[in-house]
PDB file of N, CA and C in Angstrom:
ATOM      1  N   MET A   1     223.137 -90.789  83.952  1.00  0.00           N
ATOM      2  CA  MET A   1     222.528 -90.714  85.054  1.00  0.00           C
ATOM      3  C   MET A   1     220.922 -90.495  85.058  1.00  0.00           C
ATOM      4  N   GLU A   2     220.225 -91.181  85.832  1.00  0.00           N
ATOM      5  CA  GLU A   2     218.842 -91.255  85.763  1.00  0.00           C
ATOM      6  C   GLU A   2     218.114 -89.968  85.702  1.00  0.00           C
ATOM      7  N   ILE A   3     218.619 -89.064  86.828  1.00  0.00           N
ATOM      8  CA  ILE A   3     217.786 -87.879  86.976  1.00  0.00           C
ATOM      9  C   ILE A   3     217.944 -86.969  85.782  1.00  0.00           C
ATOM     10  N   ALA A   4     219.056 -86.934  85.048  1.00  0.00           N
ATOM     11  CA  ALA A   4     219.140 -86.143  84.015  1.00  0.00           C
ATOM     12  C   ALA A   4     218.268 -86.483  82.867  1.00  0.00           C
ATOM     13  N   SER A   5     218.093 -87.759  82.799  1.00  0.00           N
ATOM     14  CA  SER A   5     217.237 -88.100  81.683  1.00  0.00           C
ATOM     15  C   SER A   5     215.632 -87.866  81.930  1.00  0.00           C
ATOM     16  N   LYS A   6     215.256 -87.449  83.032  1.00  0.00           N
ATOM     17  CA  LYS A   6     214.032 -87.241  83.358  1.00  0.00           C
ATOM     18  C   LYS A   6     213.556 -85.707  83.266  1.00  0.00           C
ATOM     19  N   GLU A   7     214.680 -84.874  83.328  1.00  0.00           N
ATOM     20  CA  GLU A   7     214.435 -83.350  83.077  1.00  0.00           C
ATOM     21  C   GLU A   7     213.821 -83.112  82.015  1.00  0.00           C
ATOM     22  N   LYS A   8     212.929 -82.097  81.914  1.00  0.00           N
ATOM     23  CA  LYS A   8     212.353 -81.690  80.707  1.00  0.00           C
ATOM     24  C   LYS A   8     212.165 -80.222  80.537  1.00  0.00           C
ATOM     25  N   THR A   9     212.474 -79.708  79.403  1.00  0.00           N
ATOM     26  CA  THR A   9     212.202 -78.308  79.113  1.00  0.00           C
ATOM     27  C   THR A   9     211.550 -78.159  77.715  1.00  0.00           C
ATOM     28  N   VAL A  10     210.475 -77.551  77.738  1.00  0.00           N
ATOM     29  CA  VAL A  10     209.774 -77.237  76.422  1.00  0.00           C
ATOM     30  C   VAL A  10     209.544 -75.677  76.214  1.00  0.00           C
ATOM     31  N   THR A  11     209.688 -75.341  75.043  1.00  0.00           N
ATOM     32  CA  THR A  11     209.508 -73.848  74.653  1.00  0.00           C
ATOM     33  C   THR A  11     208.293 -73.897  73.772  1.00  0.00           C
ATOM     34  N   LEU A  12     207.299 -73.168  74.046  1.00  0.00           N
ATOM     35  CA  LEU A  12     206.004 -72.924  73.298  1.00  0.00           C
ATOM     36  C   LEU A  12     205.992 -71.481  72.896  1.00  0.00           C
ATOM     37  N   GLY A  13     205.590 -71.379  71.847  1.00  0.00           N
ATOM     38  CA  GLY A  13     205.243 -69.921  71.086  1.00  0.00           C
ATOM     39  C   GLY A  13     203.939 -69.708  70.539  1.00  0.00           C
ATOM     40  N   TYR A  14     203.503 -68.595  70.677  1.00  0.00           N
ATOM     41  CA  TYR A  14     202.193 -68.187  70.088  1.00  0.00           C
ATOM     42  C   TYR A  14     202.330 -66.838  69.441  1.00  0.00           C
ATOM     43  N   THR A  15     202.001 -66.827  68.119  1.00  0.00           N
ATOM     44  CA  THR A  15     202.150 -65.673  67.264  1.00  0.00           C
ATOM     45  C   THR A  15     200.789 -65.402  66.544  1.00  0.00           C
ATOM     46  N   ASP A  16     200.326 -64.169  66.640  1.00  0.00           N
ATOM     47  CA  ASP A  16     199.036 -63.952  65.684  1.00  0.00           C
ATOM     48  C   ASP A  16     199.160 -62.359  65.233  1.00  0.00           C
ATOM     49  N   TYR A  17     198.239 -61.838  64.827  1.00  0.00           N
ATOM     50  CA  TYR A  17     198.425 -60.361  64.311  1.00  0.00           C
ATOM     51  C   TYR A  17     198.708 -59.378  65.338  1.00  0.00           C
ATOM     52  N   THR A  18     198.424 -59.706  66.684  1.00  0.00           N
ATOM     53  CA  THR A  18     198.705 -58.583  67.655  1.00  0.00           C
ATOM     54  C   THR A  18     199.591 -59.298  68.621  1.00  0.00           C
ATOM     55  N   SER A  19     200.055 -60.657  68.773  1.00  0.00           N
ATOM     56  CA  SER A  19     200.815 -61.045  69.914  1.00  0.00           C
ATOM     57  C   SER A  19     201.989 -61.930  69.322  1.00  0.00           C
ATOM     58  N   ASP A  20     203.018 -61.891  70.155  1.00  0.00           N
ATOM     59  CA  ASP A  20     204.129 -62.732  69.777  1.00  0.00           C
ATOM     60  C   ASP A  20     204.786 -63.150  71.283  1.00  0.00           C
ATOM     61  N   LYS A  21     204.149 -64.286  71.775  1.00  0.00           N
ATOM     62  CA  LYS A  21     204.509 -64.591  73.154  1.00  0.00           C
ATOM     63  C   LYS A  21     205.250 -66.046  73.127  1.00  0.00           C
ATOM     64  N   ILE A  22     205.905 -66.218  74.293  1.00  0.00           N
ATOM     65  CA  ILE A  22     206.668 -67.402  74.639  1.00  0.00           C
ATOM     66  C   ILE A  22     206.375 -67.956  75.974  1.00  0.00           C
ATOM     67  N   TYR A  23     206.298 -69.169  76.014  1.00  0.00           N
ATOM     68  CA  TYR A  23     206.096 -69.922  77.244  1.00  0.00           C
ATOM     69  C   TYR A  23     207.208 -71.042  77.513  1.00  0.00           C
ATOM     70  N   ILE A  24     207.880 -71.062  78.481  1.00  0.00           N
ATOM     71  CA  ILE A  24     209.007 -72.064  78.735  1.00  0.00           C
ATOM     72  C   ILE A  24     208.590 -72.822  80.096  1.00  0.00           C
ATOM     73  N   VAL A  25     208.466 -74.118  79.863  1.00  0.00           N
ATOM     74  CA  VAL A  25     208.124 -74.939  81.077  1.00  0.00           C
ATOM     75  C   VAL A  25     209.293 -75.925  81.292  1.00  0.00           C
ATOM     76  N   ASN A  26     209.723 -75.878  82.684  1.00  0.00           N
ATOM     77  CA  ASN A  26     210.935 -76.560  83.153  1.00  0.00           C
ATOM     78  C   ASN A  26     210.492 -77.642  84.207  1.00  0.00           C
ATOM     79  N   LEU A  27     210.922 -78.816  84.021  1.00  0.00           N
ATOM     80  CA  LEU A  27     210.859 -79.923  85.058  1.00  0.00           C
ATOM     81  C   LEU A  27     212.196 -80.225  85.465  1.00  0.00           C
ATOM     82  N   TYR A  28     212.585 -80.008  86.734  1.00  0.00           N
ATOM     83  CA  TYR A  28     214.000 -80.377  87.151  1.00  0.00           C
ATOM     84  C   TYR A  28     213.927 -80.698  88.566  1.00  0.00           C
ATOM     85  N   PRO A  29     215.062 -81.345  88.917  1.00  0.00           N
ATOM     86  CA  PRO A  29     215.206 -81.835  90.348  1.00  0.00           C
ATOM     87  C   PRO A  29     215.895 -80.833  91.110  1.00  0.00           C
ATOM     88  N   ASP A  30     215.681 -80.887  92.395  1.00  0.00           N
ATOM     89  CA  ASP A  30     216.435 -80.159  93.435  1.00  0.00           C
ATOM     90  C   ASP A  30     217.464 -80.904  94.188  1.00  0.00           C
ATOM     91  N   ASN A  31     218.224 -80.360  95.028  1.00  0.00           N
ATOM     92  CA  ASN A  31     219.242 -80.990  95.614  1.00  0.00           C
ATOM     93  C   ASN A  31     218.871 -82.161  96.813  1.00  0.00           C
ATOM     94  N   LYS A  32     217.536 -82.235  97.040  1.00  0.00           N
ATOM     95  CA  LYS A  32     216.899 -83.202  97.922  1.00  0.00           C
ATOM     96  C   LYS A  32     216.470 -84.370  97.205  1.00  0.00           C
ATOM     97  N   GLY A  33     216.521 -84.396  96.018  1.00  0.00           N
ATOM     98  CA  GLY A  33     215.988 -85.505  95.177  1.00  0.00           C
ATOM     99  C   GLY A  33     214.444 -85.371  94.721  1.00  0.00           C
ATOM    100  N   LEU A  34     214.051 -84.172  95.065  1.00  0.00           N
ATOM    101  CA  LEU A  34     212.435 -83.869  94.787  1.00  0.00           C
ATOM    102  C   LEU A  34     212.378 -83.009  93.436  1.00  0.00           C
ATOM    103  N   TRP A  35     211.223 -82.926  93.026  1.00  0.00           N
ATOM    104  CA  TRP A  35     211.168 -82.180  91.660  1.00  0.00           C
ATOM    105  C   TRP A  35     210.445 -80.826  91.725  1.00  0.00           C
ATOM    106  N   ASN A  36     210.798 -80.008  90.874  1.00  0.00           N
ATOM    107  CA  ASN A  36     210.070 -78.548  90.587  1.00  0.00           C
ATOM    108  C   ASN A  36     209.615 -78.443  89.206  1.00  0.00           C
ATOM    109  N   VAL A  37     208.628 -77.707  89.017  1.00  0.00           N
ATOM    110  CA  VAL A  37     208.093 -77.322  87.851  1.00  0.00           C
ATOM    111  C   VAL A  37     207.999 -75.704  87.807  1.00  0.00           C
ATOM    112  N   THR A  38     208.693 -75.027  86.870  1.00  0.00           N
ATOM    113  CA  THR A  38     208.586 -73.631  86.830  1.00  0.00           C
ATOM    114  C   THR A  38     208.278 -73.302  85.399  1.00  0.00           C
ATOM    115  N   CYS A  39     207.740 -71.992  85.210  1.00  0.00           N
ATOM    116  CA  CYS A  39     207.302 -71.539  84.004  1.00  0.00           C
ATOM    117  C   CYS A  39     207.824 -70.148  83.879  1.00  0.00           C
ATOM    118  N   LYS A  40     208.316 -69.800  82.630  1.00  0.00           N
ATOM    119  CA  LYS A  40     208.864 -68.455  82.304  1.00  0.00           C
ATOM    120  C   LYS A  40     208.061 -67.977  80.942  1.00  0.00           C
ATOM    121  N   TYR A  41     207.542 -66.668  81.129  1.00  0.00           N
ATOM    122  CA  TYR A  41     206.647 -66.369  80.119  1.00  0.00           C
ATOM    123  C   TYR A  41     206.629 -64.931  79.876  1.00  0.00           C
ATOM    124  N   GLY A  42     206.106 -64.415  78.657  1.00  0.00           N
ATOM    125  CA  GLY A  42     205.943 -63.180  78.402  1.00  0.00           C
ATOM    126  C   GLY A  42     206.187 -63.107  76.807  1.00  0.00           C
ATOM    127  N   LYS A  43     206.373 -61.664  76.600  1.00  0.00           N
ATOM    128  CA  LYS A  43     206.528 -61.408  75.121  1.00  0.00           C
ATOM    129  C   LYS A  43     207.784 -61.975  74.603  1.00  0.00           C
ATOM    130  N   ARG A  44     207.891 -62.385  73.350  1.00  0.00           N
ATOM    131  CA  ARG A  44     209.167 -62.975  72.967  1.00  0.00           C
ATOM    132  C   ARG A  44     210.402 -61.883  73.097  1.00  0.00           C
ATOM    133  N   TYR A  45     211.444 -62.557  73.416  1.00  0.00           N
ATOM    134  CA  TYR A  45     212.642 -61.718  73.689  1.00  0.00           C
ATOM    135  C   TYR A  45     212.546 -60.870  74.969  1.00  0.00           C
ATOM    136  N   ASN A  46     211.523 -61.026  75.757  1.00  0.00           N
ATOM    137  CA  ASN A  46     211.388 -60.377  76.979  1.00  0.00           C
ATOM    138  C   ASN A  46     210.563 -61.194  78.006  1.00  0.00           C
ATOM    139  N   ALA A  47     210.793 -62.469  77.903  1.00  0.00           N
ATOM    140  CA  ALA A  47     210.030 -63.372  78.789  1.00  0.00           C
ATOM    141  C   ALA A  47     210.631 -63.217  80.140  1.00  0.00           C
ATOM    142  N   ASN A  48     210.129 -62.180  80.976  1.00  0.00           N
ATOM    143  CA  ASN A  48     210.790 -62.028  82.294  1.00  0.00           C
ATOM    144  C   ASN A  48     209.794 -62.349  83.471  1.00  0.00           C
ATOM    145  N   ARG A  49     208.566 -62.964  83.251  1.00  0.00           N
ATOM    146  CA  ARG A  49     207.782 -63.299  84.428  1.00  0.00           C
ATOM    147  C   ARG A  49     208.081 -64.840  84.750  1.00  0.00           C
ATOM    148  N   GLN A  50     208.001 -65.061  85.816  1.00  0.00           N
ATOM    149  CA  GLN A  50     208.392 -66.605  86.166  1.00  0.00           C
ATOM    150  C   GLN A  50     207.314 -66.942  87.292  1.00  0.00           C
ATOM    151  N   ASP A  51     206.902 -68.227  87.148  1.00  0.00           N
ATOM    152  CA  ASP A  51     205.939 -68.718  88.194  1.00  0.00           C
ATOM    153  C   ASP A  51     206.542 -70.159  88.605  1.00  0.00           C
ATOM    154  N   ILE A  52     206.321 -70.348  89.874  1.00  0.00           N
ATOM    155  CA  ILE A  52     206.738 -71.754  90.353  1.00  0.00           C
ATOM    156  C   ILE A  52     205.432 -72.526  90.454  1.00  0.00           C
ATOM    157  N   LYS A  53     205.309 -73.641  89.488  1.00  0.00           N
ATOM    158  CA  LYS A  53     204.107 -74.175  89.686  1.00  0.00           C
ATOM    159  C   LYS A  53     203.893 -75.496  90.477  1.00  0.00           C
ATOM    160  N   ALA A  54     205.160 -76.131  90.896  1.00  0.00           N
ATOM    161  CA  ALA A  54     205.261 -77.097  91.682  1.00  0.00           C
ATOM    162  C   ALA A  54     206.756 -77.040  92.424  1.00  0.00           C
ATOM    163  N   SER A  55     206.822 -77.290  93.777  1.00  0.00           N
ATOM    164  CA  SER A  55     208.036 -77.352  94.363  1.00  0.00           C
ATOM    165  C   SER A  55     208.041 -78.453  95.337  1.00  0.00           C
ATOM    166  N   GLU A  56     209.255 -79.143  95.411  1.00  0.00           N
ATOM    167  CA  GLU A  56     209.524 -80.330  96.214  1.00  0.00           C
ATOM    168  C   GLU A  56     208.446 -81.238  96.261  1.00  0.00           C
ATOM    169  N   VAL A  57     208.196 -81.839  94.978  1.00  0.00           N
ATOM    170  CA  VAL A  57     207.103 -82.859  94.939  1.00  0.00           C
ATOM    171  C   VAL A  57     207.776 -84.145  94.116  1.00  0.00           C
ATOM    172  N   SER A  58     207.106 -85.301  94.255  1.00  0.00           N
ATOM    173  CA  SER A  58     207.576 -86.454  93.553  1.00  0.00           C
ATOM    174  C   SER A  58     207.719 -86.194  92.104  1.00  0.00           C
ATOM    175  N   TYR A  59     208.580 -87.128  91.529  1.00  0.00           N
ATOM    176  CA  TYR A  59     208.777 -86.923  90.081  1.00  0.00           C
ATOM    177  C   TYR A  59     207.332 -87.114  89.297  1.00  0.00           C
ATOM    178  N   ASN A  60     206.521 -88.051  89.599  1.00  0.00           N
ATOM    179  CA  ASN A  60     205.221 -88.266  88.986  1.00  0.00           C
ATOM    180  C   ASN A  60     204.298 -87.152  89.146  1.00  0.00           C
ATOM    181  N   ALA A  61     204.312 -86.673  90.322  1.00  0.00           N
ATOM    182  CA  ALA A  61     203.410 -85.360  90.459  1.00  0.00           C
ATOM    183  C   ALA A  61     204.025 -84.236  89.574  1.00  0.00           C
ATOM    184  N   ALA A  62     205.253 -83.977  89.654  1.00  0.00           N
ATOM    185  CA  ALA A  62     205.890 -82.971  88.827  1.00  0.00           C
ATOM    186  C   ALA A  62     205.639 -83.181  87.303  1.00  0.00           C
ATOM    187  N   ALA A  63     205.798 -84.373  86.874  1.00  0.00           N
ATOM    188  CA  ALA A  63     205.538 -84.740  85.444  1.00  0.00           C
ATOM    189  C   ALA A  63     204.038 -84.534  85.035  1.00  0.00           C
ATOM    190  N   GLN A  64     203.182 -84.792  85.867  1.00  0.00           N
ATOM    191  CA  GLN A  64     201.806 -84.620  85.481  1.00  0.00           C
ATOM    192  C   GLN A  64     201.393 -83.078  85.457  1.00  0.00           C
ATOM    193  N   ILE A  65     201.998 -82.298  86.283  1.00  0.00           N
ATOM    194  CA  ILE A  65     201.816 -80.872  86.220  1.00  0.00           C
ATOM    195  C   ILE A  65     202.543 -80.208  85.009  1.00  0.00           C
ATOM    196  N   PHE A  66     203.663 -80.831  84.595  1.00  0.00           N
ATOM    197  CA  PHE A  66     204.249 -80.303  83.426  1.00  0.00           C
ATOM    198  C   PHE A  66     203.436 -80.631  82.129  1.00  0.00           C
ATOM    199  N   ASP A  67     202.809 -81.884  82.105  1.00  0.00           N
ATOM    200  CA  ASP A  67     202.013 -82.385  81.041  1.00  0.00           C
ATOM    201  C   ASP A  67     200.737 -81.486  80.999  1.00  0.00           C
ATOM    202  N   LYS A  68     200.201 -81.110  82.182  1.00  0.00           N
ATOM    203  CA  LYS A  68     198.848 -80.393  82.089  1.00  0.00           C
ATOM    204  C   LYS A  68     199.185 -79.016  81.619  1.00  0.00           C
ATOM    205  N   ILE A  69     200.238 -78.354  82.051  1.00  0.00           N
ATOM    206  CA  ILE A  69     200.487 -76.974  81.684  1.00  0.00           C
ATOM    207  C   ILE A  69     200.567 -77.018  80.151  1.00  0.00           C
ATOM    208  N   THR A  70     201.476 -77.800  79.777  1.00  0.00           N
ATOM    209  CA  THR A  70     201.908 -77.904  78.285  1.00  0.00           C
ATOM    210  C   THR A  70     200.558 -78.111  77.261  1.00  0.00           C
ATOM    211  N   ARG A  71     199.803 -79.146  77.818  1.00  0.00           N
ATOM    212  CA  ARG A  71     198.575 -79.538  77.144  1.00  0.00           C
ATOM    213  C   ARG A  71     197.628 -78.316  77.103  1.00  0.00           C
ATOM    214  N   GLN A  72     197.504 -77.526  78.182  1.00  0.00           N
ATOM    215  CA  GLN A  72     196.766 -76.185  78.305  1.00  0.00           C
ATOM    216  C   GLN A  72     197.203 -75.373  77.295  1.00  0.00           C
ATOM    217  N   LYS A  73     198.530 -75.017  77.184  1.00  0.00           N
ATOM    218  CA  LYS A  73     199.016 -74.067  76.189  1.00  0.00           C
ATOM    219  C   LYS A  73     198.830 -74.515  74.797  1.00  0.00           C
ATOM    220  N   LEU A  74     199.029 -75.709  74.515  1.00  0.00           N
ATOM    221  CA  LEU A  74     198.806 -76.226  73.237  1.00  0.00           C
ATOM    222  C   LEU A  74     197.332 -76.118  72.688  1.00  0.00           C
ATOM    223  N   ASN A  75     196.480 -76.260  73.691  1.00  0.00           N
ATOM    224  CA  ASN A  75     195.027 -76.151  73.264  1.00  0.00           C
ATOM    225  C   ASN A  75     194.629 -74.629  73.233  1.00  0.00           C
ATOM    226  N   LYS A  76     195.372 -73.689  73.621  1.00  0.00           N
ATOM    227  CA  LYS A  76     195.199 -72.229  73.460  1.00  0.00           C
ATOM    228  C   LYS A  76     195.797 -71.768  72.093  1.00  0.00           C
ATOM    229  N   GLY A  77     196.339 -72.577  71.545  1.00  0.00           N
ATOM    230  CA  GLY A  77     197.051 -72.218  70.212  1.00  0.00           C
ATOM    231  C   GLY A  77     198.619 -72.137  70.087  1.00  0.00           C
ATOM    232  N   TYR A  78     199.209 -72.235  71.198  1.00  0.00           N
ATOM    233  CA  TYR A  78     200.634 -72.312  71.235  1.00  0.00           C
ATOM    234  C   TYR A  78     201.201 -73.445  70.464  1.00  0.00           C
ATOM    235  N   GLU A  79     202.507 -73.395  69.996  1.00  0.00           N
ATOM    236  CA  GLU A  79     203.169 -74.224  69.223  1.00  0.00           C
ATOM    237  C   GLU A  79     204.489 -74.728  69.781  1.00  0.00           C
ATOM    238  N   VAL A  80     204.913 -76.032  69.783  1.00  0.00           N
ATOM    239  CA  VAL A  80     206.252 -76.376  70.292  1.00  0.00           C
ATOM    240  C   VAL A  80     207.322 -75.712  69.329  1.00  0.00           C
ATOM    241  N   GLU A  81     208.197 -75.000  70.027  1.00  0.00           N
ATOM    242  CA  GLU A  81     209.430 -74.417  69.390  1.00  0.00           C
ATOM    243  C   GLU A  81     210.681 -75.308  69.555  1.00  0.00           C
ATOM    244  N   SER A  82     210.920 -75.735  70.737  1.00  0.00           N
ATOM    245  CA  SER A  82     211.985 -76.645  71.019  1.00  0.00           C
ATOM    246  C   SER A  82     211.584 -77.425  72.287  1.00  0.00           C
ATOM    247  N   GLY A  83     212.310 -78.504  72.429  1.00  0.00           N
ATOM    248  CA  GLY A  83     212.083 -79.536  73.513  1.00  0.00           C
ATOM    249  C   GLY A  83     211.029 -80.585  73.042  1.00  0.00           C
ATOM    250  N   SER A  84     210.839 -81.554  74.029  1.00  0.00           N
ATOM    251  CA  SER A  84     209.980 -82.565  73.736  1.00  0.00           C
ATOM    252  C   SER A  84     208.911 -82.714  74.765  1.00  0.00           C
ATOM    253  N   LEU A  85     207.731 -83.215  74.347  1.00  0.00           N
ATOM    254  CA  LEU A  85     206.661 -83.424  75.317  1.00  0.00           C
ATOM    255  C   LEU A  85     206.792 -84.840  76.107  1.00  0.00           C
TER     256      LEU A  85
END
């Protein structure tokens, strides 16, 4: 199915002397055929904060937002732990 192949999830982690954080970015469709981008983040094993970064947008718009967020986190020192870019 075409929609499933476009879904993306990437888990990013950041660890230093005082921090151990995780950031999970999801790109997924809704039941209307539009796309959403959400982020879940916080301390590792307690990532309980969640933001909606895009809701009911085209796939191209959602993919751009997903890539921008991921790139920003990588530039801040986060590393890919699972998923693909």
